[in-house]
């Protein structure tokens, strides 16, 4: 990390680190991590739908569908009534 005043800090990462380009998650690990991380904020059904949308994001007609699923408060598509 380089600070605005020119100082820099470095720290080696743990060899067990997963999720980066050198050690990417498997699909199962990504799903497990996502379910764990989001379980306090979203119901299981919305987490599952979000993972499906993320895996097919290139096929979405409107990314607001994904944003709505991940947003607190529901599945209403942003801009639907605008």
PDB file of N, CA and C in Angstrom:
ATOM      1  N   UNK A   1       0.859  -1.148   0.000  1.00  0.00           N
ATOM      2  CA  UNK A   1       0.000   0.000   0.000  1.00  0.00           C
ATOM      3  C   UNK A   1       0.915   1.222   0.000  1.00  0.00           C
ATOM      4  N   UNK A   2       0.647   2.146  -0.902  1.00  0.00           N
ATOM      5  CA  UNK A   2       1.412   3.387  -0.942  1.00  0.00           C
ATOM      6  C   UNK A   2       0.520   4.515  -0.427  1.00  0.00           C
ATOM      7  N   UNK A   3       1.023   5.232   0.561  1.00  0.00           N
ATOM      8  CA  UNK A   3       0.273   6.326   1.155  1.00  0.00           C
ATOM      9  C   UNK A   3       0.508   7.613   0.386  1.00  0.00           C
ATOM     10  N   UNK A   4      -0.382   8.565   0.547  1.00  0.00           N
ATOM     11  CA  UNK A   4      -0.251   9.848  -0.151  1.00  0.00           C
ATOM     12  C   UNK A   4       1.037  10.569   0.188  1.00  0.00           C
ATOM     13  N   UNK A   5       1.549  10.358   1.406  1.00  0.00           N
ATOM     14  CA  UNK A   5       2.787  11.048   1.796  1.00  0.00           C
ATOM     15  C   UNK A   5       4.044  10.337   1.287  1.00  0.00           C
ATOM     16  N   UNK A   6       3.876   9.283   0.470  1.00  0.00           N
ATOM     17  CA  UNK A   6       5.012   8.599  -0.138  1.00  0.00           C
ATOM     18  C   UNK A   6       5.459   7.338   0.588  1.00  0.00           C
ATOM     19  N   UNK A   7       5.044   7.175   1.840  1.00  0.00           N
ATOM     20  CA  UNK A   7       5.415   5.954   2.552  1.00  0.00           C
ATOM     21  C   UNK A   7       4.668   4.771   1.956  1.00  0.00           C
ATOM     22  N   UNK A   8       5.251   3.592   2.098  1.00  0.00           N
ATOM     23  CA  UNK A   8       4.555   2.393   1.638  1.00  0.00           C
ATOM     24  C   UNK A   8       4.649   1.310   2.699  1.00  0.00           C
ATOM     25  N   UNK A   9       3.633   0.493   2.743  1.00  0.00           N
ATOM     26  CA  UNK A   9       3.556  -0.629   3.676  1.00  0.00           C
ATOM     27  C   UNK A   9       3.364  -1.891   2.844  1.00  0.00           C
ATOM     28  N   UNK A  10       4.059  -2.938   3.223  1.00  0.00           N
ATOM     29  CA  UNK A  10       3.879  -4.223   2.556  1.00  0.00           C
ATOM     30  C   UNK A  10       3.771  -5.320   3.601  1.00  0.00           C
ATOM     31  N   UNK A  11       3.080  -6.355   3.249  1.00  0.00           N
ATOM     32  CA  UNK A  11       2.949  -7.525   4.094  1.00  0.00           C
ATOM     33  C   UNK A  11       2.677  -8.718   3.186  1.00  0.00           C
ATOM     34  N   UNK A  12       3.410  -9.783   3.389  1.00  0.00           N
ATOM     35  CA  UNK A  12       3.204 -10.983   2.591  1.00  0.00           C
ATOM     36  C   UNK A  12       1.841 -11.588   2.924  1.00  0.00           C
ATOM     37  N   UNK A  13       1.197 -12.139   1.909  1.00  0.00           N
ATOM     38  CA  UNK A  13      -0.096 -12.787   2.155  1.00  0.00           C
ATOM     39  C   UNK A  13       0.134 -14.229   2.600  1.00  0.00           C
ATOM     40  N   UNK A  14      -0.816 -14.744   3.297  1.00  0.00           N
ATOM     41  CA  UNK A  14      -0.799 -16.125   3.755  1.00  0.00           C
ATOM     42  C   UNK A  14      -0.843 -17.050   2.537  1.00  0.00           C
ATOM     43  N   UNK A  15      -0.023 -18.089   2.514  1.00  0.00           N
ATOM     44  CA  UNK A  15      -0.011 -19.027   1.392  1.00  0.00           C
ATOM     45  C   UNK A  15      -1.352 -19.722   1.201  1.00  0.00           C
ATOM     46  N   UNK A  16      -2.161 -19.750   2.237  1.00  0.00           N
ATOM     47  CA  UNK A  16      -3.471 -20.385   2.142  1.00  0.00           C
ATOM     48  C   UNK A  16      -4.523 -19.451   1.561  1.00  0.00           C
ATOM     49  N   UNK A  17      -4.147 -18.196   1.271  1.00  0.00           N
ATOM     50  CA  UNK A  17      -5.078 -17.206   0.717  1.00  0.00           C
ATOM     51  C   UNK A  17      -5.752 -17.768  -0.536  1.00  0.00           C
ATOM     52  N   UNK A  18      -7.054 -17.618  -0.612  1.00  0.00           N
ATOM     53  CA  UNK A  18      -7.818 -18.077  -1.766  1.00  0.00           C
ATOM     54  C   UNK A  18      -8.630 -16.907  -2.318  1.00  0.00           C
ATOM     55  N   UNK A  19      -8.884 -16.964  -3.588  1.00  0.00           N
ATOM     56  CA  UNK A  19      -9.759 -15.985  -4.203  1.00  0.00           C
ATOM     57  C   UNK A  19      -9.047 -14.973  -5.075  1.00  0.00           C
ATOM     58  N   UNK A  20      -7.736 -15.018  -5.117  1.00  0.00           N
ATOM     59  CA  UNK A  20      -6.987 -14.104  -5.975  1.00  0.00           C
ATOM     60  C   UNK A  20      -6.656 -14.766  -7.300  1.00  0.00           C
ATOM     61  N   UNK A  21      -6.006 -14.040  -8.190  1.00  0.00           N
ATOM     62  CA  UNK A  21      -5.709 -14.592  -9.515  1.00  0.00           C
ATOM     63  C   UNK A  21      -4.785 -15.809  -9.483  1.00  0.00           C
ATOM     64  N   UNK A  22      -3.899 -15.896  -8.492  1.00  0.00           N
ATOM     65  CA  UNK A  22      -2.988 -17.034  -8.420  1.00  0.00           C
ATOM     66  C   UNK A  22      -3.616 -18.265  -7.796  1.00  0.00           C
ATOM     67  N   UNK A  23      -4.643 -18.085  -6.981  1.00  0.00           N
ATOM     68  CA  UNK A  23      -5.341 -19.179  -6.305  1.00  0.00           C
ATOM     69  C   UNK A  23      -6.848 -18.906  -6.310  1.00  0.00           C
ATOM     70  N   UNK A  24      -7.477 -18.948  -7.481  1.00  0.00           N
ATOM     71  CA  UNK A  24      -8.908 -18.603  -7.535  1.00  0.00           C
ATOM     72  C   UNK A  24      -9.779 -19.615  -6.799  1.00  0.00           C
ATOM     73  N   UNK A  25     -10.926 -19.129  -6.352  1.00  0.00           N
ATOM     74  CA  UNK A  25     -11.923 -19.994  -5.744  1.00  0.00           C
ATOM     75  C   UNK A  25     -12.437 -20.985  -6.785  1.00  0.00           C
ATOM     76  N   UNK A  26     -12.803 -22.159  -6.346  1.00  0.00           N
ATOM     77  CA  UNK A  26     -13.602 -23.037  -7.195  1.00  0.00           C
ATOM     78  C   UNK A  26     -15.020 -22.490  -7.157  1.00  0.00           C
ATOM     79  N   UNK A  27     -15.866 -22.946  -8.035  1.00  0.00           N
ATOM     80  CA  UNK A  27     -17.253 -22.478  -8.019  1.00  0.00           C
ATOM     81  C   UNK A  27     -17.916 -22.829  -6.688  1.00  0.00           C
ATOM     82  N   UNK A  28     -17.657 -24.018  -6.165  1.00  0.00           N
ATOM     83  CA  UNK A  28     -18.245 -24.427  -4.883  1.00  0.00           C
ATOM     84  C   UNK A  28     -17.756 -23.533  -3.750  1.00  0.00           C
ATOM     85  N   UNK A  29     -16.467 -23.187  -3.747  1.00  0.00           N
ATOM     86  CA  UNK A  29     -15.929 -22.296  -2.706  1.00  0.00           C
ATOM     87  C   UNK A  29     -16.541 -20.908  -2.809  1.00  0.00           C
ATOM     88  N   UNK A  30     -16.709 -20.420  -4.031  1.00  0.00           N
ATOM     89  CA  UNK A  30     -17.315 -19.105  -4.239  1.00  0.00           C
ATOM     90  C   UNK A  30     -18.748 -19.090  -3.729  1.00  0.00           C
ATOM     91  N   UNK A  31     -19.502 -20.123  -4.027  1.00  0.00           N
ATOM     92  CA  UNK A  31     -20.889 -20.198  -3.554  1.00  0.00           C
ATOM     93  C   UNK A  31     -20.937 -20.273  -2.030  1.00  0.00           C
ATOM     94  N   UNK A  32     -20.091 -21.106  -1.443  1.00  0.00           N
ATOM     95  CA  UNK A  32     -20.065 -21.244   0.027  1.00  0.00           C
ATOM     96  C   UNK A  32     -19.687 -19.914   0.675  1.00  0.00           C
ATOM     97  N   UNK A  33     -18.666 -19.261   0.150  1.00  0.00           N
ATOM     98  CA  UNK A  33     -18.233 -17.976   0.695  1.00  0.00           C
ATOM     99  C   UNK A  33     -19.330 -16.925   0.562  1.00  0.00           C
ATOM    100  N   UNK A  34     -19.991 -16.891  -0.574  1.00  0.00           N
ATOM    101  CA  UNK A  34     -21.057 -15.912  -0.803  1.00  0.00           C
ATOM    102  C   UNK A  34     -22.233 -16.145   0.125  1.00  0.00           C
ATOM    103  N   UNK A  35     -22.613 -17.418   0.284  1.00  0.00           N
ATOM    104  CA  UNK A  35     -23.743 -17.723   1.176  1.00  0.00           C
ATOM    105  C   UNK A  35     -23.403 -17.337   2.615  1.00  0.00           C
ATOM    106  N   UNK A  36     -22.184 -17.614   3.040  1.00  0.00           N
ATOM    107  CA  UNK A  36     -21.764 -17.287   4.406  1.00  0.00           C
ATOM    108  C   UNK A  36     -21.723 -15.783   4.617  1.00  0.00           C
ATOM    109  N   UNK A  37     -21.124 -15.066   3.697  1.00  0.00           N
ATOM    110  CA  UNK A  37     -20.950 -13.626   3.842  1.00  0.00           C
ATOM    111  C   UNK A  37     -22.269 -12.870   3.789  1.00  0.00           C
ATOM    112  N   UNK A  38     -23.205 -13.337   2.992  1.00  0.00           N
ATOM    113  CA  UNK A  38     -24.461 -12.611   2.788  1.00  0.00           C
ATOM    114  C   UNK A  38     -25.609 -13.127   3.648  1.00  0.00           C
ATOM    115  N   UNK A  39     -25.390 -14.227   4.369  1.00  0.00           N
ATOM    116  CA  UNK A  39     -26.500 -14.859   5.079  1.00  0.00           C
ATOM    117  C   UNK A  39     -27.136 -13.980   6.141  1.00  0.00           C
ATOM    118  N   UNK A  40     -26.391 -13.047   6.693  1.00  0.00           N
ATOM    119  CA  UNK A  40     -26.981 -12.167   7.701  1.00  0.00           C
ATOM    120  C   UNK A  40     -27.752 -11.011   7.067  1.00  0.00           C
ATOM    121  N   UNK A  41     -27.570 -10.799   5.769  1.00  0.00           N
ATOM    122  CA  UNK A  41     -28.210  -9.659   5.116  1.00  0.00           C
ATOM    123  C   UNK A  41     -29.320 -10.047   4.141  1.00  0.00           C
ATOM    124  N   UNK A  42     -29.238 -11.253   3.586  1.00  0.00           N
ATOM    125  CA  UNK A  42     -30.200 -11.646   2.559  1.00  0.00           C
ATOM    126  C   UNK A  42     -30.745 -13.043   2.824  1.00  0.00           C
ATOM    127  N   UNK A  43     -32.011 -13.281   2.459  1.00  0.00           N
ATOM    128  CA  UNK A  43     -32.560 -14.631   2.556  1.00  0.00           C
ATOM    129  C   UNK A  43     -31.852 -15.576   1.579  1.00  0.00           C
ATOM    130  N   UNK A  44     -31.857 -16.858   1.879  1.00  0.00           N
ATOM    131  CA  UNK A  44     -31.183 -17.867   1.056  1.00  0.00           C
ATOM    132  C   UNK A  44     -31.622 -17.812  -0.408  1.00  0.00           C
ATOM    133  N   UNK A  45     -32.905 -17.590  -0.640  1.00  0.00           N
ATOM    134  CA  UNK A  45     -33.424 -17.570  -2.008  1.00  0.00           C
ATOM    135  C   UNK A  45     -32.810 -16.430  -2.821  1.00  0.00           C
ATOM    136  N   UNK A  46     -32.640 -15.276  -2.182  1.00  0.00           N
ATOM    137  CA  UNK A  46     -32.057 -14.128  -2.901  1.00  0.00           C
ATOM    138  C   UNK A  46     -30.575 -14.336  -3.137  1.00  0.00           C
ATOM    139  N   UNK A  47     -29.888 -14.988  -2.207  1.00  0.00           N
ATOM    140  CA  UNK A  47     -28.467 -15.287  -2.404  1.00  0.00           C
ATOM    141  C   UNK A  47     -28.311 -16.226  -3.603  1.00  0.00           C
ATOM    142  N   UNK A  48     -29.149 -17.262  -3.650  1.00  0.00           N
ATOM    143  CA  UNK A  48     -29.093 -18.215  -4.760  1.00  0.00           C
ATOM    144  C   UNK A  48     -29.378 -17.518  -6.089  1.00  0.00           C
ATOM    145  N   UNK A  49     -30.376 -16.644  -6.101  1.00  0.00           N
ATOM    146  CA  UNK A  49     -30.710 -15.907  -7.336  1.00  0.00           C
ATOM    147  C   UNK A  49     -29.573 -14.980  -7.735  1.00  0.00           C
ATOM    148  N   UNK A  50     -28.958 -14.319  -6.768  1.00  0.00           N
ATOM    149  CA  UNK A  50     -27.837 -13.424  -7.065  1.00  0.00           C
ATOM    150  C   UNK A  50     -26.669 -14.197  -7.668  1.00  0.00           C
ATOM    151  N   UNK A  51     -26.351 -15.356  -7.102  1.00  0.00           N
ATOM    152  CA  UNK A  51     -25.262 -16.166  -7.649  1.00  0.00           C
ATOM    153  C   UNK A  51     -25.563 -16.589  -9.083  1.00  0.00           C
ATOM    154  N   UNK A  52     -26.811 -16.953  -9.358  1.00  0.00           N
ATOM    155  CA  UNK A  52     -27.198 -17.319 -10.712  1.00  0.00           C
ATOM    156  C   UNK A  52     -27.045 -16.136 -11.665  1.00  0.00           C
ATOM    157  N   UNK A  53     -27.489 -14.974 -11.239  1.00  0.00           N
ATOM    158  CA  UNK A  53     -27.368 -13.785 -12.097  1.00  0.00           C
ATOM    159  C   UNK A  53     -25.906 -13.418 -12.335  1.00  0.00           C
ATOM    160  N   UNK A  54     -25.088 -13.531 -11.302  1.00  0.00           N
ATOM    161  CA  UNK A  54     -23.666 -13.211 -11.442  1.00  0.00           C
ATOM    162  C   UNK A  54     -23.008 -14.154 -12.450  1.00  0.00           C
ATOM    163  N   UNK A  55     -23.356 -15.433 -12.376  1.00  0.00           N
ATOM    164  CA  UNK A  55     -22.763 -16.409 -13.285  1.00  0.00           C
ATOM    165  C   UNK A  55     -23.226 -16.216 -14.730  1.00  0.00           C
ATOM    166  N   UNK A  56     -24.313 -15.497 -14.920  1.00  0.00           N
ATOM    167  CA  UNK A  56     -24.836 -15.255 -16.266  1.00  0.00           C
ATOM    168  C   UNK A  56     -24.961 -13.758 -16.558  1.00  0.00           C
ATOM    169  N   UNK A  57     -24.116 -12.966 -15.921  1.00  0.00           N
ATOM    170  CA  UNK A  57     -24.218 -11.507 -16.056  1.00  0.00           C
ATOM    171  C   UNK A  57     -24.096 -11.065 -17.515  1.00  0.00           C
ATOM    172  N   UNK A  58     -23.367 -11.807 -18.314  1.00  0.00           N
ATOM    173  CA  UNK A  58     -23.218 -11.450 -19.722  1.00  0.00           C
ATOM    174  C   UNK A  58     -24.518 -11.612 -20.505  1.00  0.00           C
ATOM    175  N   UNK A  59     -25.492 -12.282 -19.917  1.00  0.00           N
ATOM    176  CA  UNK A  59     -26.771 -12.497 -20.585  1.00  0.00           C
ATOM    177  C   UNK A  59     -27.872 -11.579 -20.064  1.00  0.00           C
ATOM    178  N   UNK A  60     -27.563 -10.776 -19.038  1.00  0.00           N
ATOM    179  CA  UNK A  60     -28.577  -9.880 -18.471  1.00  0.00           C
ATOM    180  C   UNK A  60     -28.916  -8.768 -19.456  1.00  0.00           C
ATOM    181  N   UNK A  61     -30.196  -8.468 -19.569  1.00  0.00           N
ATOM    182  CA  UNK A  61     -30.622  -7.341 -20.393  1.00  0.00           C
ATOM    183  C   UNK A  61     -30.433  -6.031 -19.634  1.00  0.00           C
ATOM    184  N   UNK A  62     -30.518  -6.119 -18.298  1.00  0.00           N
ATOM    185  CA  UNK A  62     -30.419  -4.926 -17.462  1.00  0.00           C
ATOM    186  C   UNK A  62     -29.769  -5.311 -16.132  1.00  0.00           C
ATOM    187  N   UNK A  63     -28.615  -4.772 -15.842  1.00  0.00           N
ATOM    188  CA  UNK A  63     -27.878  -5.125 -14.627  1.00  0.00           C
ATOM    189  C   UNK A  63     -28.620  -4.683 -13.365  1.00  0.00           C
ATOM    190  N   UNK A  64     -29.614  -3.824 -13.522  1.00  0.00           N
ATOM    191  CA  UNK A  64     -30.399  -3.397 -12.355  1.00  0.00           C
ATOM    192  C   UNK A  64     -31.124  -4.564 -11.701  1.00  0.00           C
ATOM    193  N   UNK A  65     -31.374  -5.620 -12.446  1.00  0.00           N
ATOM    194  CA  UNK A  65     -31.984  -6.818 -11.864  1.00  0.00           C
ATOM    195  C   UNK A  65     -31.060  -7.403 -10.788  1.00  0.00           C
ATOM    196  N   UNK A  66     -29.773  -7.481 -11.082  1.00  0.00           N
ATOM    197  CA  UNK A  66     -28.797  -7.968 -10.104  1.00  0.00           C
ATOM    198  C   UNK A  66     -28.663  -7.000  -8.941  1.00  0.00           C
ATOM    199  N   UNK A  67     -28.601  -5.728  -9.229  1.00  0.00           N
ATOM    200  CA  UNK A  67     -28.488  -4.715  -8.177  1.00  0.00           C
ATOM    201  C   UNK A  67     -29.676  -4.801  -7.227  1.00  0.00           C
ATOM    202  N   UNK A  68     -30.863  -4.984  -7.769  1.00  0.00           N
ATOM    203  CA  UNK A  68     -32.070  -5.068  -6.932  1.00  0.00           C
ATOM    204  C   UNK A  68     -32.019  -6.282  -6.014  1.00  0.00           C
ATOM    205  N   UNK A  69     -31.558  -7.417  -6.524  1.00  0.00           N
ATOM    206  CA  UNK A  69     -31.475  -8.633  -5.706  1.00  0.00           C
ATOM    207  C   UNK A  69     -30.495  -8.435  -4.549  1.00  0.00           C
ATOM    208  N   UNK A  70     -29.401  -7.733  -4.801  1.00  0.00           N
ATOM    209  CA  UNK A  70     -28.371  -7.538  -3.782  1.00  0.00           C
ATOM    210  C   UNK A  70     -28.660  -6.385  -2.833  1.00  0.00           C
ATOM    211  N   UNK A  71     -29.632  -5.557  -3.167  1.00  0.00           N
ATOM    212  CA  UNK A  71     -29.951  -4.393  -2.352  1.00  0.00           C
ATOM    213  C   UNK A  71     -30.870  -4.761  -1.196  1.00  0.00           C
ATOM    214  N   UNK A  72     -30.659  -4.133  -0.037  1.00  0.00           N
ATOM    215  CA  UNK A  72     -31.579  -4.389   1.074  1.00  0.00           C
ATOM    216  C   UNK A  72     -32.975  -3.914   0.694  1.00  0.00           C
ATOM    217  N   UNK A  73     -33.971  -4.632   1.112  1.00  0.00           N
ATOM    218  CA  UNK A  73     -35.329  -4.157   0.910  1.00  0.00           C
ATOM    219  C   UNK A  73     -36.102  -4.849  -0.171  1.00  0.00           C
ATOM    220  N   UNK A  74     -35.492  -5.725  -0.932  1.00  0.00           N
ATOM    221  CA  UNK A  74     -36.329  -6.456  -1.854  1.00  0.00           C
ATOM    222  C   UNK A  74     -35.781  -6.650  -3.230  1.00  0.00           C
ATOM    223  N   UNK A  75     -36.687  -7.092  -4.087  1.00  0.00           N
ATOM    224  CA  UNK A  75     -36.299  -7.472  -5.436  1.00  0.00           C
ATOM    225  C   UNK A  75     -36.860  -6.540  -6.490  1.00  0.00           C
ATOM    226  N   UNK A  76     -37.452  -5.428  -6.072  1.00  0.00           N
ATOM    227  CA  UNK A  76     -37.987  -4.469  -7.037  1.00  0.00           C
ATOM    228  C   UNK A  76     -36.868  -3.955  -7.919  1.00  0.00           C
ATOM    229  N   UNK A  77     -37.056  -4.005  -9.212  1.00  0.00           N
ATOM    230  CA  UNK A  77     -36.043  -3.493 -10.132  1.00  0.00           C
ATOM    231  C   UNK A  77     -35.991  -1.992 -10.032  1.00  0.00           C
ATOM    232  N   UNK A  78     -34.790  -1.486  -9.861  1.00  0.00           N
ATOM    233  CA  UNK A  78     -34.589  -0.042  -9.825  1.00  0.00           C
ATOM    234  C   UNK A  78     -35.053   0.555 -11.140  1.00  0.00           C
ATOM    235  N   UNK A  79     -35.820   1.610 -11.074  1.00  0.00           N
ATOM    236  CA  UNK A  79     -36.265   2.284 -12.268  1.00  0.00           C
ATOM    237  C   UNK A  79     -37.510   1.673 -12.889  1.00  0.00           C
ATOM    238  N   UNK A  80     -38.057   0.623 -12.298  1.00  0.00           N
ATOM    239  CA  UNK A  80     -39.224  -0.042 -12.878  1.00  0.00           C
ATOM    240  C   UNK A  80     -40.407   0.887 -13.004  1.00  0.00           C
ATOM    241  N   UNK A  81     -40.565   1.813 -12.051  1.00  0.00           N
ATOM    242  CA  UNK A  81     -41.695   2.736 -12.086  1.00  0.00           C
ATOM    243  C   UNK A  81     -41.280   4.140 -12.481  1.00  0.00           C
ATOM    244  N   UNK A  82     -40.046   4.298 -12.910  1.00  0.00           N
ATOM    245  CA  UNK A  82     -39.543   5.650 -13.253  1.00  0.00           C
ATOM    246  C   UNK A  82     -40.024   6.086 -14.614  1.00  0.00           C
TER     247      UNK A  82
END
